[in-house]
């Protein structure tokens, strides 16, 4: 899939999850402002990790949304509004990988040694202006900045999507809402099944 086609599907699907919502226009404004940066954001730094290419973040987000819906069917969970929330969280959970309003989280690795010896095609941006934050916290920051409202389960779904191995998330073990459980499991399933040779959208 070409990156432009992927972006069109991602943005259209995300906007559809906010149809009839009073913050639909805020989501559109966020996509308009961050769109180009979202499009080219990778999901990982190292070539052996899934999504280490321009478009990697939204590619994995789309796969996570698709997998989450299949898991809902497998778990025989209720659809209705919950289906829309699951898709919304799956599409937004990694948004913080874009960076803040001005600075990218990932920048292209300019060290030939790191690219050749470690397979590091990107590095974390250590600019002084970029506040150190977890991906989930930066995601929540960006959403609140643009006035994108989430309900309680959606907020927790984004917070817990990175997994319980993060200290900040361990407190929620066995207390997470079903939505968070589905998205977290879907994300892990996608990452485990993607080939380590996944070098780009055309792979």
N, C-alpha and C. Protein backbone atom coordinates (compact mmCIF):
# COMPACT_ATOMS: atom_id res chain seq x y z
N UNK A 1 0.84 -1.19 0.00
CA UNK A 1 0.00 0.00 0.00
C UNK A 1 0.88 1.24 0.00
N UNK A 2 0.57 2.20 -0.85
CA UNK A 2 1.31 3.44 -0.90
C UNK A 2 0.98 4.30 0.32
N UNK A 3 1.93 5.13 0.70
CA UNK A 3 1.77 5.90 1.93
C UNK A 3 0.60 6.89 1.83
N UNK A 4 0.36 7.44 0.66
CA UNK A 4 -0.76 8.38 0.50
C UNK A 4 -2.09 7.65 0.69
N UNK A 5 -2.19 6.44 0.12
CA UNK A 5 -3.40 5.65 0.27
C UNK A 5 -3.62 5.27 1.73
N UNK A 6 -2.53 4.90 2.41
CA UNK A 6 -2.62 4.54 3.82
C UNK A 6 -3.10 5.72 4.64
N UNK A 7 -2.55 6.90 4.37
CA UNK A 7 -2.94 8.10 5.11
C UNK A 7 -4.42 8.42 4.90
N UNK A 8 -4.88 8.31 3.66
CA UNK A 8 -6.29 8.59 3.37
C UNK A 8 -7.21 7.65 4.14
N UNK A 9 -6.83 6.38 4.22
CA UNK A 9 -7.64 5.41 4.95
C UNK A 9 -7.59 5.69 6.45
N UNK A 10 -6.40 5.99 6.94
CA UNK A 10 -6.23 6.27 8.37
C UNK A 10 -7.04 7.48 8.79
N UNK A 11 -6.86 8.60 8.08
CA UNK A 11 -7.52 9.84 8.47
C UNK A 11 -9.04 9.73 8.33
N UNK A 12 -9.51 9.07 7.26
CA UNK A 12 -10.95 8.91 7.07
C UNK A 12 -11.56 8.04 8.16
N UNK A 13 -10.88 6.94 8.50
CA UNK A 13 -11.39 6.05 9.53
C UNK A 13 -11.41 6.74 10.89
N UNK A 14 -10.33 7.47 11.21
CA UNK A 14 -10.28 8.17 12.48
C UNK A 14 -11.40 9.20 12.59
N UNK A 15 -11.58 9.99 11.55
CA UNK A 15 -12.64 11.00 11.58
C UNK A 15 -14.02 10.35 11.73
N UNK A 16 -14.21 9.19 11.12
CA UNK A 16 -15.51 8.52 11.21
C UNK A 16 -15.83 8.09 12.64
N UNK A 17 -14.79 7.83 13.45
CA UNK A 17 -15.04 7.43 14.84
C UNK A 17 -15.52 8.61 15.69
N UNK A 18 -15.37 9.83 15.17
CA UNK A 18 -15.84 11.01 15.88
C UNK A 18 -17.07 11.63 15.22
N UNK A 19 -17.69 10.91 14.27
CA UNK A 19 -18.91 11.42 13.63
C UNK A 19 -19.97 11.70 14.69
N UNK A 20 -20.57 12.90 14.63
CA UNK A 20 -21.60 13.27 15.59
C UNK A 20 -21.05 13.73 16.92
N UNK A 21 -19.74 13.70 17.07
CA UNK A 21 -19.11 14.13 18.32
C UNK A 21 -18.82 15.62 18.24
N UNK A 22 -18.93 16.30 19.36
CA UNK A 22 -18.70 17.75 19.34
C UNK A 22 -17.24 18.13 19.15
N UNK A 23 -16.32 17.15 19.17
CA UNK A 23 -14.92 17.49 18.93
C UNK A 23 -14.44 16.96 17.58
N UNK A 24 -15.38 16.61 16.69
CA UNK A 24 -15.02 16.13 15.34
C UNK A 24 -14.15 17.14 14.63
N UNK A 25 -14.53 18.42 14.70
CA UNK A 25 -13.75 19.47 14.02
C UNK A 25 -12.37 19.61 14.64
N UNK A 26 -12.25 19.34 15.94
CA UNK A 26 -10.94 19.41 16.59
C UNK A 26 -10.01 18.31 16.09
N UNK A 27 -10.58 17.13 15.86
CA UNK A 27 -9.79 16.03 15.30
C UNK A 27 -9.30 16.40 13.90
N UNK A 28 -10.19 16.97 13.12
CA UNK A 28 -9.81 17.40 11.77
C UNK A 28 -8.72 18.45 11.82
N UNK A 29 -8.82 19.39 12.75
CA UNK A 29 -7.79 20.42 12.90
C UNK A 29 -6.46 19.79 13.28
N UNK A 30 -6.49 18.79 14.15
CA UNK A 30 -5.27 18.10 14.55
C UNK A 30 -4.63 17.40 13.36
N UNK A 31 -5.44 16.72 12.56
CA UNK A 31 -4.92 16.03 11.38
C UNK A 31 -4.38 17.02 10.36
N UNK A 32 -5.06 18.16 10.22
CA UNK A 32 -4.58 19.18 9.28
C UNK A 32 -3.23 19.74 9.72
N UNK A 33 -3.07 19.97 11.03
CA UNK A 33 -1.83 20.57 11.52
C UNK A 33 -0.68 19.57 11.59
N UNK A 34 -0.96 18.37 12.04
CA UNK A 34 0.11 17.39 12.24
C UNK A 34 0.21 16.37 11.12
N UNK A 35 -0.68 16.47 10.15
CA UNK A 35 -0.80 15.44 9.13
C UNK A 35 0.48 14.98 8.48
N UNK A 36 1.26 15.92 7.95
CA UNK A 36 2.49 15.52 7.26
C UNK A 36 3.46 14.83 8.20
N UNK A 37 3.52 15.29 9.43
CA UNK A 37 4.42 14.65 10.41
C UNK A 37 3.90 13.27 10.80
N UNK A 38 2.58 13.14 10.95
CA UNK A 38 2.00 11.84 11.25
C UNK A 38 2.32 10.85 10.14
N UNK A 39 2.15 11.28 8.91
CA UNK A 39 2.37 10.41 7.74
C UNK A 39 3.76 9.79 7.77
N UNK A 40 4.77 10.58 8.07
CA UNK A 40 6.15 10.11 7.95
C UNK A 40 6.75 9.58 9.25
N UNK A 41 5.95 9.51 10.31
CA UNK A 41 6.47 9.01 11.58
C UNK A 41 6.65 7.50 11.55
N UNK A 42 7.86 7.02 11.88
CA UNK A 42 8.06 5.57 11.99
C UNK A 42 7.49 5.07 13.31
N UNK A 43 7.48 3.76 13.48
CA UNK A 43 7.02 3.19 14.74
C UNK A 43 8.17 2.74 15.61
N UNK A 44 9.37 2.63 15.02
CA UNK A 44 10.52 2.11 15.77
C UNK A 44 11.81 2.68 15.20
N UNK A 45 12.87 2.56 16.00
CA UNK A 45 14.18 3.09 15.58
C UNK A 45 15.01 2.10 14.79
N UNK A 46 14.87 0.81 15.11
CA UNK A 46 15.78 -0.19 14.56
C UNK A 46 15.12 -1.00 13.45
N UNK A 47 15.90 -1.32 12.42
CA UNK A 47 15.37 -1.97 11.24
C UNK A 47 14.81 -3.36 11.55
N UNK A 48 15.27 -3.98 12.63
CA UNK A 48 14.75 -5.31 12.97
C UNK A 48 13.43 -5.23 13.75
N UNK A 49 12.96 -4.01 14.04
CA UNK A 49 11.70 -3.82 14.74
C UNK A 49 10.61 -3.43 13.74
N UNK A 50 9.39 -3.91 13.92
CA UNK A 50 8.31 -3.57 12.99
C UNK A 50 8.05 -2.07 12.92
N UNK A 51 7.87 -1.58 11.70
CA UNK A 51 7.50 -0.19 11.52
C UNK A 51 8.64 0.79 11.45
N UNK A 52 9.86 0.32 11.22
CA UNK A 52 11.02 1.21 11.14
C UNK A 52 11.13 1.79 9.73
N UNK A 53 10.17 2.63 9.39
CA UNK A 53 10.15 3.27 8.08
C UNK A 53 9.09 4.38 8.11
N UNK A 54 9.17 5.31 7.19
CA UNK A 54 8.18 6.37 7.11
C UNK A 54 6.80 5.76 6.88
N UNK A 55 5.86 6.13 7.70
CA UNK A 55 4.52 5.55 7.62
C UNK A 55 4.33 4.37 8.54
N UNK A 56 5.38 3.97 9.24
CA UNK A 56 5.31 2.80 10.11
C UNK A 56 4.29 2.93 11.23
N UNK A 57 4.19 4.12 11.81
CA UNK A 57 3.28 4.31 12.93
C UNK A 57 1.82 4.10 12.52
N UNK A 58 1.40 4.75 11.43
CA UNK A 58 -0.01 4.61 11.05
C UNK A 58 -0.28 3.23 10.43
N UNK A 59 0.72 2.61 9.83
CA UNK A 59 0.55 1.27 9.30
C UNK A 59 0.23 0.29 10.44
N UNK A 60 1.01 0.36 11.52
CA UNK A 60 0.77 -0.52 12.66
C UNK A 60 -0.53 -0.15 13.37
N UNK A 61 -0.86 1.13 13.42
CA UNK A 61 -2.12 1.55 14.04
C UNK A 61 -3.32 0.96 13.29
N UNK A 62 -3.25 0.98 11.96
CA UNK A 62 -4.34 0.41 11.16
C UNK A 62 -4.45 -1.10 11.37
N UNK A 63 -3.31 -1.77 11.40
CA UNK A 63 -3.31 -3.22 11.63
C UNK A 63 -3.84 -3.53 13.03
N UNK A 64 -3.50 -2.69 14.00
CA UNK A 64 -3.99 -2.90 15.36
C UNK A 64 -5.50 -2.74 15.43
N UNK A 65 -6.04 -1.75 14.74
CA UNK A 65 -7.49 -1.55 14.71
C UNK A 65 -8.19 -2.76 14.11
N UNK A 66 -7.66 -3.27 13.02
CA UNK A 66 -8.24 -4.43 12.36
C UNK A 66 -8.19 -5.67 13.27
N UNK A 67 -7.04 -5.88 13.89
CA UNK A 67 -6.88 -7.02 14.79
C UNK A 67 -7.79 -6.89 16.01
N UNK A 68 -7.96 -5.68 16.52
CA UNK A 68 -8.79 -5.46 17.70
C UNK A 68 -10.25 -5.84 17.42
N UNK A 69 -10.74 -5.49 16.24
CA UNK A 69 -12.11 -5.84 15.90
C UNK A 69 -12.27 -7.36 15.81
N UNK A 70 -11.27 -8.03 15.25
CA UNK A 70 -11.34 -9.49 15.18
C UNK A 70 -11.30 -10.10 16.59
N UNK A 71 -10.53 -9.49 17.49
CA UNK A 71 -10.49 -9.99 18.86
C UNK A 71 -11.83 -9.77 19.56
N UNK A 72 -12.49 -8.66 19.30
CA UNK A 72 -13.81 -8.42 19.88
C UNK A 72 -14.77 -9.54 19.46
N UNK A 73 -14.68 -9.93 18.19
CA UNK A 73 -15.53 -11.01 17.71
C UNK A 73 -15.18 -12.32 18.42
N UNK A 74 -13.87 -12.57 18.57
CA UNK A 74 -13.44 -13.81 19.21
C UNK A 74 -13.86 -13.86 20.67
N UNK A 75 -13.81 -12.71 21.36
CA UNK A 75 -14.19 -12.64 22.77
C UNK A 75 -15.70 -12.52 22.96
N UNK A 76 -16.42 -12.38 21.82
CA UNK A 76 -17.87 -12.21 21.85
C UNK A 76 -18.26 -11.01 22.70
N UNK A 77 -17.52 -9.90 22.51
CA UNK A 77 -17.82 -8.67 23.23
C UNK A 77 -18.89 -7.88 22.49
N UNK A 78 -19.56 -7.00 23.18
CA UNK A 78 -20.59 -6.18 22.56
C UNK A 78 -19.96 -5.17 21.60
N UNK A 79 -20.62 -4.94 20.48
CA UNK A 79 -20.12 -3.95 19.53
C UNK A 79 -20.76 -2.59 19.82
N UNK A 80 -21.60 -2.08 18.94
CA UNK A 80 -22.21 -0.77 19.19
C UNK A 80 -21.15 0.30 19.39
N UNK A 81 -21.37 1.20 20.37
CA UNK A 81 -20.40 2.29 20.62
C UNK A 81 -19.01 1.77 20.98
N UNK A 82 -18.94 0.57 21.59
CA UNK A 82 -17.63 0.04 21.99
C UNK A 82 -16.74 -0.21 20.79
N UNK A 83 -17.32 -0.61 19.68
CA UNK A 83 -16.53 -0.87 18.47
C UNK A 83 -15.86 0.42 18.01
N UNK A 84 -16.59 1.51 18.02
CA UNK A 84 -16.04 2.79 17.60
C UNK A 84 -14.91 3.22 18.54
N UNK A 85 -15.09 2.99 19.83
CA UNK A 85 -14.05 3.36 20.80
C UNK A 85 -12.78 2.53 20.61
N UNK A 86 -12.94 1.24 20.33
CA UNK A 86 -11.78 0.39 20.11
C UNK A 86 -10.98 0.87 18.89
N UNK A 87 -11.67 1.18 17.81
CA UNK A 87 -10.99 1.67 16.61
C UNK A 87 -10.30 3.00 16.90
N UNK A 88 -10.99 3.88 17.60
CA UNK A 88 -10.44 5.20 17.95
C UNK A 88 -9.13 5.06 18.73
N UNK A 89 -9.16 4.23 19.77
CA UNK A 89 -7.97 4.05 20.60
C UNK A 89 -6.85 3.38 19.82
N UNK A 90 -7.17 2.38 19.02
CA UNK A 90 -6.15 1.71 18.23
C UNK A 90 -5.45 2.68 17.27
N UNK A 91 -6.21 3.58 16.70
CA UNK A 91 -5.63 4.53 15.74
C UNK A 91 -4.82 5.63 16.41
N UNK A 92 -5.17 5.96 17.65
CA UNK A 92 -4.54 7.10 18.32
C UNK A 92 -3.44 6.72 19.31
N UNK A 93 -3.34 5.46 19.72
CA UNK A 93 -2.53 5.11 20.89
C UNK A 93 -1.05 5.44 20.75
N UNK A 94 -0.53 5.49 19.53
CA UNK A 94 0.89 5.78 19.32
C UNK A 94 1.14 7.20 18.81
N UNK A 95 0.13 8.05 18.85
CA UNK A 95 0.28 9.40 18.29
C UNK A 95 1.47 10.14 18.89
N UNK A 96 1.79 9.86 20.15
CA UNK A 96 2.91 10.55 20.80
C UNK A 96 4.24 10.33 20.13
N UNK A 97 4.34 9.31 19.26
CA UNK A 97 5.58 9.07 18.54
C UNK A 97 5.87 10.17 17.51
N UNK A 98 4.85 10.98 17.23
CA UNK A 98 5.07 12.13 16.34
C UNK A 98 6.03 13.13 16.99
N UNK A 99 5.88 13.30 18.32
CA UNK A 99 6.65 14.32 19.04
C UNK A 99 5.70 15.33 19.64
N UNK A 100 6.21 16.53 19.93
CA UNK A 100 5.32 17.56 20.46
C UNK A 100 4.80 18.43 19.32
N UNK A 101 4.38 19.62 19.61
CA UNK A 101 3.79 20.47 18.58
C UNK A 101 4.80 20.98 17.56
N UNK A 102 6.08 20.94 17.92
CA UNK A 102 7.10 21.50 17.04
C UNK A 102 8.26 20.56 16.74
N UNK A 103 8.53 19.62 17.62
CA UNK A 103 9.73 18.77 17.49
C UNK A 103 9.35 17.31 17.32
N UNK A 104 10.04 16.65 16.40
CA UNK A 104 9.79 15.23 16.16
C UNK A 104 10.39 14.37 17.26
N UNK A 105 9.71 13.26 17.57
CA UNK A 105 10.20 12.29 18.54
C UNK A 105 11.35 11.48 17.94
N UNK A 106 11.19 11.05 16.70
CA UNK A 106 12.24 10.33 15.96
C UNK A 106 12.86 11.25 14.93
N UNK A 107 14.16 11.17 14.79
CA UNK A 107 14.85 11.85 13.69
C UNK A 107 15.75 10.84 13.00
N UNK A 108 16.05 11.10 11.74
CA UNK A 108 16.85 10.17 10.96
C UNK A 108 18.24 10.03 11.56
N UNK A 109 18.70 8.80 11.68
CA UNK A 109 20.03 8.53 12.22
C UNK A 109 21.10 9.02 11.24
N UNK A 110 21.97 9.90 11.71
CA UNK A 110 23.01 10.45 10.84
C UNK A 110 24.38 9.80 11.05
N UNK A 111 24.42 8.79 11.88
CA UNK A 111 25.67 8.07 12.13
C UNK A 111 25.71 6.80 11.30
N UNK A 112 26.65 6.73 10.36
CA UNK A 112 26.78 5.54 9.53
C UNK A 112 27.07 4.31 10.38
N UNK A 113 27.84 4.48 11.46
CA UNK A 113 28.19 3.34 12.30
C UNK A 113 26.94 2.74 12.94
N UNK A 114 26.08 3.60 13.48
CA UNK A 114 24.86 3.12 14.13
C UNK A 114 23.91 2.48 13.11
N UNK A 115 23.87 3.02 11.90
CA UNK A 115 23.00 2.45 10.87
C UNK A 115 23.51 1.07 10.45
N UNK A 116 24.83 0.97 10.25
CA UNK A 116 25.40 -0.27 9.73
C UNK A 116 25.56 -1.34 10.81
N UNK A 117 26.01 -0.95 12.00
CA UNK A 117 26.30 -1.93 13.05
C UNK A 117 25.08 -2.28 13.89
N UNK A 118 24.20 -1.33 14.11
CA UNK A 118 23.04 -1.57 14.97
C UNK A 118 21.71 -1.64 14.22
N UNK A 119 21.73 -1.22 12.97
CA UNK A 119 20.47 -1.17 12.22
C UNK A 119 19.57 -0.06 12.70
N UNK A 120 20.17 0.98 13.29
CA UNK A 120 19.39 2.11 13.82
C UNK A 120 19.16 3.14 12.71
N UNK A 121 18.00 3.09 12.09
CA UNK A 121 17.70 4.03 11.02
C UNK A 121 17.18 5.36 11.56
N UNK A 122 16.76 5.35 12.82
CA UNK A 122 16.29 6.57 13.47
C UNK A 122 16.91 6.64 14.86
N UNK A 123 16.88 7.83 15.43
CA UNK A 123 17.31 8.01 16.82
C UNK A 123 16.31 8.91 17.51
N UNK A 124 16.31 8.85 18.84
CA UNK A 124 15.41 9.70 19.60
C UNK A 124 15.93 11.13 19.59
N UNK A 125 15.05 12.04 19.43
CA UNK A 125 15.40 13.46 19.38
C UNK A 125 15.77 13.93 20.78
N UNK A 126 16.99 14.39 20.94
CA UNK A 126 17.44 14.87 22.25
C UNK A 126 17.54 16.40 22.31
N UNK A 127 16.79 17.06 21.43
CA UNK A 127 16.78 18.52 21.46
C UNK A 127 16.29 19.02 22.81
N UNK A 128 16.86 20.10 23.25
CA UNK A 128 16.51 20.66 24.55
C UNK A 128 15.04 21.05 24.62
N UNK A 129 14.45 21.41 23.49
CA UNK A 129 13.07 21.87 23.49
C UNK A 129 12.04 20.77 23.57
N UNK A 130 12.46 19.51 23.42
CA UNK A 130 11.51 18.40 23.45
C UNK A 130 11.47 17.80 24.85
N UNK A 131 10.37 18.02 25.56
CA UNK A 131 10.21 17.51 26.91
C UNK A 131 10.23 15.99 26.92
N UNK A 132 10.96 15.38 27.84
CA UNK A 132 10.98 13.94 27.98
C UNK A 132 9.61 13.47 28.47
N UNK A 133 8.98 12.58 27.71
CA UNK A 133 7.67 12.05 28.05
C UNK A 133 7.55 10.65 27.48
N UNK A 134 6.72 9.82 28.11
CA UNK A 134 6.42 8.53 27.51
C UNK A 134 5.52 8.74 26.29
N UNK A 135 5.45 7.75 25.43
CA UNK A 135 4.61 7.86 24.24
C UNK A 135 3.15 8.07 24.62
N UNK A 136 2.67 7.32 25.61
CA UNK A 136 1.26 7.45 25.99
C UNK A 136 0.97 8.82 26.61
N UNK A 137 1.88 9.34 27.40
CA UNK A 137 1.65 10.66 28.00
C UNK A 137 1.70 11.76 26.95
N UNK A 138 2.61 11.62 25.99
CA UNK A 138 2.65 12.63 24.93
C UNK A 138 1.41 12.53 24.04
N UNK A 139 0.92 11.33 23.84
CA UNK A 139 -0.33 11.17 23.10
C UNK A 139 -1.45 11.91 23.80
N UNK A 140 -1.57 11.73 25.10
CA UNK A 140 -2.63 12.40 25.86
C UNK A 140 -2.45 13.92 25.82
N UNK A 141 -1.20 14.36 25.87
CA UNK A 141 -0.93 15.80 25.80
C UNK A 141 -1.40 16.38 24.47
N UNK A 142 -1.06 15.71 23.36
CA UNK A 142 -1.46 16.21 22.05
C UNK A 142 -2.98 16.24 21.91
N UNK A 143 -3.63 15.20 22.39
CA UNK A 143 -5.09 15.15 22.28
C UNK A 143 -5.75 16.26 23.08
N UNK A 144 -5.26 16.49 24.30
CA UNK A 144 -5.88 17.56 25.09
C UNK A 144 -5.58 18.93 24.49
N UNK A 145 -4.40 19.10 23.88
CA UNK A 145 -4.07 20.37 23.26
C UNK A 145 -5.06 20.72 22.15
N UNK A 146 -5.42 19.72 21.37
CA UNK A 146 -6.33 19.96 20.26
C UNK A 146 -7.81 19.82 20.65
N UNK A 147 -8.06 19.57 21.92
CA UNK A 147 -9.43 19.47 22.37
C UNK A 147 -10.14 18.20 21.93
N UNK A 148 -9.38 17.13 21.79
CA UNK A 148 -9.96 15.84 21.41
C UNK A 148 -10.32 15.10 22.70
N UNK A 149 -11.62 14.96 22.93
CA UNK A 149 -12.10 14.39 24.20
C UNK A 149 -12.20 12.87 24.13
N UNK A 150 -11.84 12.24 25.23
CA UNK A 150 -11.96 10.80 25.37
C UNK A 150 -12.78 10.48 26.59
N UNK A 151 -13.50 9.34 26.55
CA UNK A 151 -14.15 8.94 27.79
C UNK A 151 -13.13 8.18 28.64
N UNK A 152 -13.54 7.76 29.82
CA UNK A 152 -12.60 7.16 30.77
C UNK A 152 -11.95 5.89 30.21
N UNK A 153 -12.74 5.01 29.61
CA UNK A 153 -12.19 3.77 29.08
C UNK A 153 -11.24 4.03 27.91
N UNK A 154 -11.56 5.01 27.08
CA UNK A 154 -10.69 5.35 25.94
C UNK A 154 -9.36 5.90 26.45
N UNK A 155 -9.43 6.75 27.47
CA UNK A 155 -8.20 7.31 28.04
C UNK A 155 -7.30 6.20 28.56
N UNK A 156 -7.88 5.26 29.30
CA UNK A 156 -7.11 4.14 29.82
C UNK A 156 -6.64 3.22 28.71
N UNK A 157 -7.44 3.09 27.65
CA UNK A 157 -7.02 2.28 26.52
C UNK A 157 -5.74 2.78 25.90
N UNK A 158 -5.62 4.10 25.76
CA UNK A 158 -4.40 4.69 25.22
C UNK A 158 -3.26 4.56 26.21
N UNK A 159 -3.54 4.83 27.47
CA UNK A 159 -2.49 4.76 28.50
C UNK A 159 -1.90 3.36 28.60
N UNK A 160 -2.73 2.34 28.51
CA UNK A 160 -2.27 0.97 28.76
C UNK A 160 -1.85 0.23 27.50
N UNK A 161 -2.00 0.85 26.33
CA UNK A 161 -1.70 0.16 25.07
C UNK A 161 -0.24 -0.26 24.96
N UNK A 162 0.66 0.47 25.64
CA UNK A 162 2.09 0.15 25.54
C UNK A 162 2.45 -1.09 26.34
N UNK A 163 1.58 -1.51 27.25
CA UNK A 163 1.83 -2.74 27.99
C UNK A 163 2.00 -2.53 29.48
N UNK A 164 1.89 -3.62 30.23
CA UNK A 164 2.00 -3.57 31.69
C UNK A 164 3.45 -3.65 32.17
N UNK A 165 4.40 -3.79 31.25
CA UNK A 165 5.79 -3.81 31.68
C UNK A 165 6.27 -2.42 32.06
N UNK A 166 5.50 -1.39 31.72
CA UNK A 166 5.83 -0.04 32.16
C UNK A 166 5.33 0.14 33.60
N UNK A 167 6.19 0.66 34.44
CA UNK A 167 5.87 0.81 35.86
C UNK A 167 4.57 1.58 36.07
N UNK A 168 4.35 2.61 35.27
CA UNK A 168 3.17 3.45 35.43
C UNK A 168 1.87 2.70 35.16
N UNK A 169 1.95 1.57 34.45
CA UNK A 169 0.75 0.82 34.08
C UNK A 169 0.48 -0.39 34.96
N UNK A 170 1.45 -0.78 35.77
CA UNK A 170 1.29 -2.03 36.53
C UNK A 170 0.15 -1.97 37.54
N UNK A 171 -0.15 -0.80 38.03
CA UNK A 171 -1.20 -0.65 39.03
C UNK A 171 -2.56 -1.10 38.49
N UNK A 172 -2.71 -1.04 37.14
CA UNK A 172 -4.01 -1.35 36.53
C UNK A 172 -4.20 -2.82 36.22
N UNK A 173 -3.19 -3.66 36.46
CA UNK A 173 -3.30 -5.09 36.14
C UNK A 173 -4.52 -5.68 36.85
N UNK A 174 -5.34 -6.39 36.07
CA UNK A 174 -6.59 -7.01 36.52
C UNK A 174 -7.68 -5.99 36.82
N UNK A 175 -7.41 -4.73 36.53
CA UNK A 175 -8.44 -3.72 36.73
C UNK A 175 -8.70 -2.92 35.47
N UNK A 176 -8.07 -3.32 34.35
CA UNK A 176 -8.21 -2.57 33.11
C UNK A 176 -9.58 -2.83 32.48
N UNK A 177 -10.15 -1.81 31.80
CA UNK A 177 -11.43 -2.02 31.10
C UNK A 177 -11.23 -2.96 29.91
N UNK A 178 -12.33 -3.57 29.43
CA UNK A 178 -12.23 -4.50 28.31
C UNK A 178 -11.61 -3.84 27.08
N UNK A 179 -11.95 -2.58 26.85
CA UNK A 179 -11.42 -1.86 25.70
C UNK A 179 -9.89 -1.85 25.74
N UNK A 180 -9.32 -1.54 26.88
CA UNK A 180 -7.87 -1.49 27.01
C UNK A 180 -7.26 -2.88 26.80
N UNK A 181 -7.92 -3.90 27.32
CA UNK A 181 -7.44 -5.26 27.17
C UNK A 181 -7.39 -5.66 25.70
N UNK A 182 -8.45 -5.33 24.96
CA UNK A 182 -8.53 -5.70 23.55
C UNK A 182 -7.44 -4.99 22.74
N UNK A 183 -7.29 -3.69 22.93
CA UNK A 183 -6.30 -2.94 22.15
C UNK A 183 -4.89 -3.39 22.50
N UNK A 184 -4.62 -3.61 23.78
CA UNK A 184 -3.28 -4.04 24.17
C UNK A 184 -2.94 -5.40 23.56
N UNK A 185 -3.88 -6.33 23.62
CA UNK A 185 -3.65 -7.65 23.03
C UNK A 185 -3.49 -7.56 21.52
N UNK A 186 -4.30 -6.71 20.89
CA UNK A 186 -4.21 -6.54 19.44
C UNK A 186 -2.85 -5.99 19.04
N UNK A 187 -2.37 -4.98 19.79
CA UNK A 187 -1.07 -4.37 19.48
C UNK A 187 0.05 -5.42 19.60
N UNK A 188 0.04 -6.20 20.67
CA UNK A 188 1.07 -7.21 20.85
C UNK A 188 1.01 -8.27 19.75
N UNK A 189 -0.20 -8.65 19.36
CA UNK A 189 -0.36 -9.65 18.31
C UNK A 189 0.19 -9.14 16.98
N UNK A 190 -0.08 -7.88 16.68
CA UNK A 190 0.42 -7.29 15.43
C UNK A 190 1.95 -7.26 15.43
N UNK A 191 2.54 -6.81 16.52
CA UNK A 191 3.99 -6.70 16.59
C UNK A 191 4.66 -8.07 16.51
N UNK A 192 4.04 -9.07 17.09
CA UNK A 192 4.62 -10.42 17.09
C UNK A 192 4.54 -11.08 15.72
N UNK A 193 3.49 -10.77 14.98
CA UNK A 193 3.29 -11.44 13.70
C UNK A 193 3.94 -10.71 12.53
N UNK A 194 4.24 -9.43 12.69
CA UNK A 194 4.91 -8.72 11.60
C UNK A 194 6.32 -9.28 11.42
N UNK A 195 6.69 -9.47 10.19
CA UNK A 195 8.01 -10.01 9.89
C UNK A 195 9.10 -9.03 10.27
N UNK A 196 10.22 -9.55 10.76
CA UNK A 196 11.36 -8.69 11.06
C UNK A 196 11.96 -8.11 9.79
N UNK A 197 11.52 -8.64 8.66
CA UNK A 197 11.99 -8.11 7.36
C UNK A 197 11.02 -7.08 6.80
N UNK A 198 10.08 -6.64 7.63
CA UNK A 198 9.09 -5.63 7.23
C UNK A 198 9.82 -4.29 7.06
N UNK A 199 10.22 -4.03 5.83
CA UNK A 199 11.06 -2.85 5.58
C UNK A 199 10.28 -1.63 5.08
N UNK A 200 9.01 -1.78 4.84
CA UNK A 200 8.27 -0.63 4.36
C UNK A 200 6.85 -1.00 3.99
N UNK A 201 6.10 -0.01 3.50
CA UNK A 201 4.70 -0.23 3.21
C UNK A 201 4.50 -1.18 2.05
N UNK A 202 5.46 -1.27 1.17
CA UNK A 202 5.30 -2.15 0.02
C UNK A 202 5.77 -3.56 0.29
N UNK A 203 6.27 -3.82 1.52
CA UNK A 203 6.82 -5.14 1.84
C UNK A 203 5.71 -6.18 1.98
